[in-house]
Amino acid sequence: MRASLKITSQMLLLDLGEVRRLVTQDGPRLARFVAVIQEKRVGCNRPGGRNWSSRLMRAGVPPAETLLYTLPGDPLDFEHEGSCLRLPGLRLYLDGLPELVETPYYAWVEP
């Protein structure tokens, strides 16, 4: 898998290169993109309501292929360690099931 990371002033966007099966805290989802946007309410969403769809489309991201996380902290405050992307309250594991899930919100890419 060849993933790429795009960072803008309002969003962190992980492009998985193709639609992949992700396992999240809410169960399995299909997505090509994982977006993280700053919002007061923490959550994992499928874009559709509010202004998320328009924000994603303005960034050139198809909402139907996007798994969206909203976090109260700055999405640009992240660390990349090996195949794990660490954000406050969220972990994205690119190489499949981790040994230990460290946060209440997470997603891993199934091989």
Protein backbone atom coordinates (compact mmCIF):
# COMPACT_ATOMS: atom_id res chain seq x y z
CA MET A 1 0.00 0.00 0.00
CA ARG A 2 1.25 3.43 -0.88
CA ALA A 3 -0.33 6.09 1.33
CA SER A 4 0.31 9.81 1.20
CA LEU A 5 -0.31 12.56 3.69
CA LYS A 6 -1.62 16.01 2.77
CA ILE A 7 -1.67 18.78 5.32
CA THR A 8 -3.56 22.04 4.92
CA SER A 9 -4.26 24.80 7.42
CA GLN A 10 -7.65 23.24 8.21
CA MET A 11 -7.26 19.52 7.65
CA LEU A 12 -4.98 16.53 7.83
CA LEU A 13 -5.74 14.14 4.96
CA LEU A 14 -4.43 10.61 4.59
CA ASP A 15 -4.85 9.19 1.07
CA LEU A 16 -4.63 5.39 1.04
CA GLY A 17 -4.33 5.33 -2.77
CA GLU A 18 -7.39 3.13 -3.25
CA VAL A 19 -10.57 2.26 -1.38
CA ARG A 20 -9.57 0.01 1.51
CA ARG A 21 -11.35 -1.77 4.32
CA LEU A 22 -10.69 0.01 7.62
CA VAL A 23 -11.55 -1.27 11.07
CA THR A 24 -12.61 1.57 13.35
CA GLN A 25 -13.94 1.87 16.88
CA ASP A 26 -17.42 1.72 15.27
CA GLY A 27 -16.75 -1.34 13.10
CA PRO A 28 -15.53 -1.86 9.53
CA ARG A 29 -15.75 0.91 6.91
CA LEU A 30 -14.67 1.30 3.30
CA ALA A 31 -12.72 4.45 2.53
CA ARG A 32 -9.87 5.78 0.44
CA PHE A 33 -9.32 8.93 2.49
CA VAL A 34 -9.11 9.58 6.22
CA ALA A 35 -9.62 13.26 7.05
CA VAL A 36 -9.12 14.93 10.43
CA ILE A 37 -10.78 18.29 11.01
CA GLN A 38 -10.81 20.46 14.13
CA GLU A 39 -14.26 20.58 15.73
CA LYS A 40 -15.45 20.96 19.33
CA ARG A 41 -17.16 17.58 19.27
CA VAL A 42 -15.02 14.44 18.99
CA GLY A 43 -16.31 11.85 16.56
CA CYS A 44 -15.97 9.55 13.61
CA ASN A 45 -18.31 10.49 10.79
CA ARG A 46 -19.32 9.69 7.27
CA PRO A 47 -19.60 13.11 5.63
CA GLY A 48 -23.11 14.00 4.64
CA GLY A 49 -24.54 16.55 7.00
CA ARG A 50 -23.35 19.86 8.34
CA ASN A 51 -20.69 21.59 6.28
CA TRP A 52 -18.23 18.67 6.13
CA SER A 53 -19.13 17.60 2.60
CA SER A 54 -18.58 21.08 1.20
CA ARG A 55 -15.28 21.45 3.11
CA LEU A 56 -14.06 18.13 1.69
CA MET A 57 -15.17 18.95 -1.85
CA ARG A 58 -13.39 22.32 -1.70
CA ALA A 59 -10.24 20.38 -0.82
CA GLY A 60 -10.80 18.06 -3.82
CA VAL A 61 -11.75 15.05 -1.67
CA PRO A 62 -14.83 12.95 -2.55
CA PRO A 63 -17.00 12.77 0.60
CA ALA A 64 -18.36 9.31 -0.31
CA GLU A 65 -14.85 7.82 -0.10
CA THR A 66 -13.86 9.59 3.12
CA LEU A 67 -13.81 8.57 6.76
CA LEU A 68 -13.91 11.80 8.76
CA TYR A 69 -12.69 12.30 12.30
CA THR A 70 -13.38 15.48 14.21
CA LEU A 71 -11.10 16.36 17.13
CA PRO A 72 -11.11 19.36 19.49
CA GLY A 73 -7.33 19.72 19.20
CA ASP A 74 -5.29 20.93 16.29
CA PRO A 75 -5.19 18.18 13.61
CA LEU A 76 -1.76 19.46 12.63
CA ASP A 77 -0.45 18.41 16.04
CA PHE A 78 0.52 14.87 15.02
CA GLU A 79 3.43 12.46 15.09
CA HIS A 80 4.35 9.81 12.56
CA GLU A 81 6.07 6.75 14.04
CA GLY A 82 6.69 3.87 11.67
CA SER A 83 3.31 2.88 10.29
CA CYS A 84 1.29 4.74 12.94
CA LEU A 85 -0.06 8.26 12.73
CA ARG A 86 -0.61 9.66 16.24
CA LEU A 87 -3.02 12.50 16.93
CA PRO A 88 -4.43 13.55 20.31
CA GLY A 89 -7.19 10.98 20.94
CA LEU A 90 -6.80 9.19 17.60
CA ARG A 91 -4.44 6.59 16.14
CA LEU A 92 -4.28 5.51 12.50
CA TYR A 93 -2.49 2.19 11.99
CA LEU A 94 -1.43 1.62 8.38
CA ASP A 95 -0.04 -1.92 8.72
CA GLY A 96 -3.09 -3.65 10.15
CA LEU A 97 -4.11 -4.68 13.64
CA PRO A 98 -1.82 -3.20 16.32
CA GLU A 99 -0.73 -5.09 19.42
CA LEU A 100 -2.45 -2.50 21.59
CA VAL A 101 -5.03 0.14 20.68
CA GLU A 102 -3.98 3.22 22.65
CA THR A 103 -6.92 5.60 22.19
CA PRO A 104 -10.73 5.52 22.11
CA TYR A 105 -10.72 6.57 18.44
CA TYR A 106 -8.71 4.54 15.96
CA ALA A 107 -8.64 2.96 12.54
CA TRP A 108 -6.41 0.32 11.04
CA VAL A 109 -6.11 -0.75 7.45
CA GLU A 110 -6.86 -4.41 6.86
CA PRO A 111 -4.21 -6.20 4.78
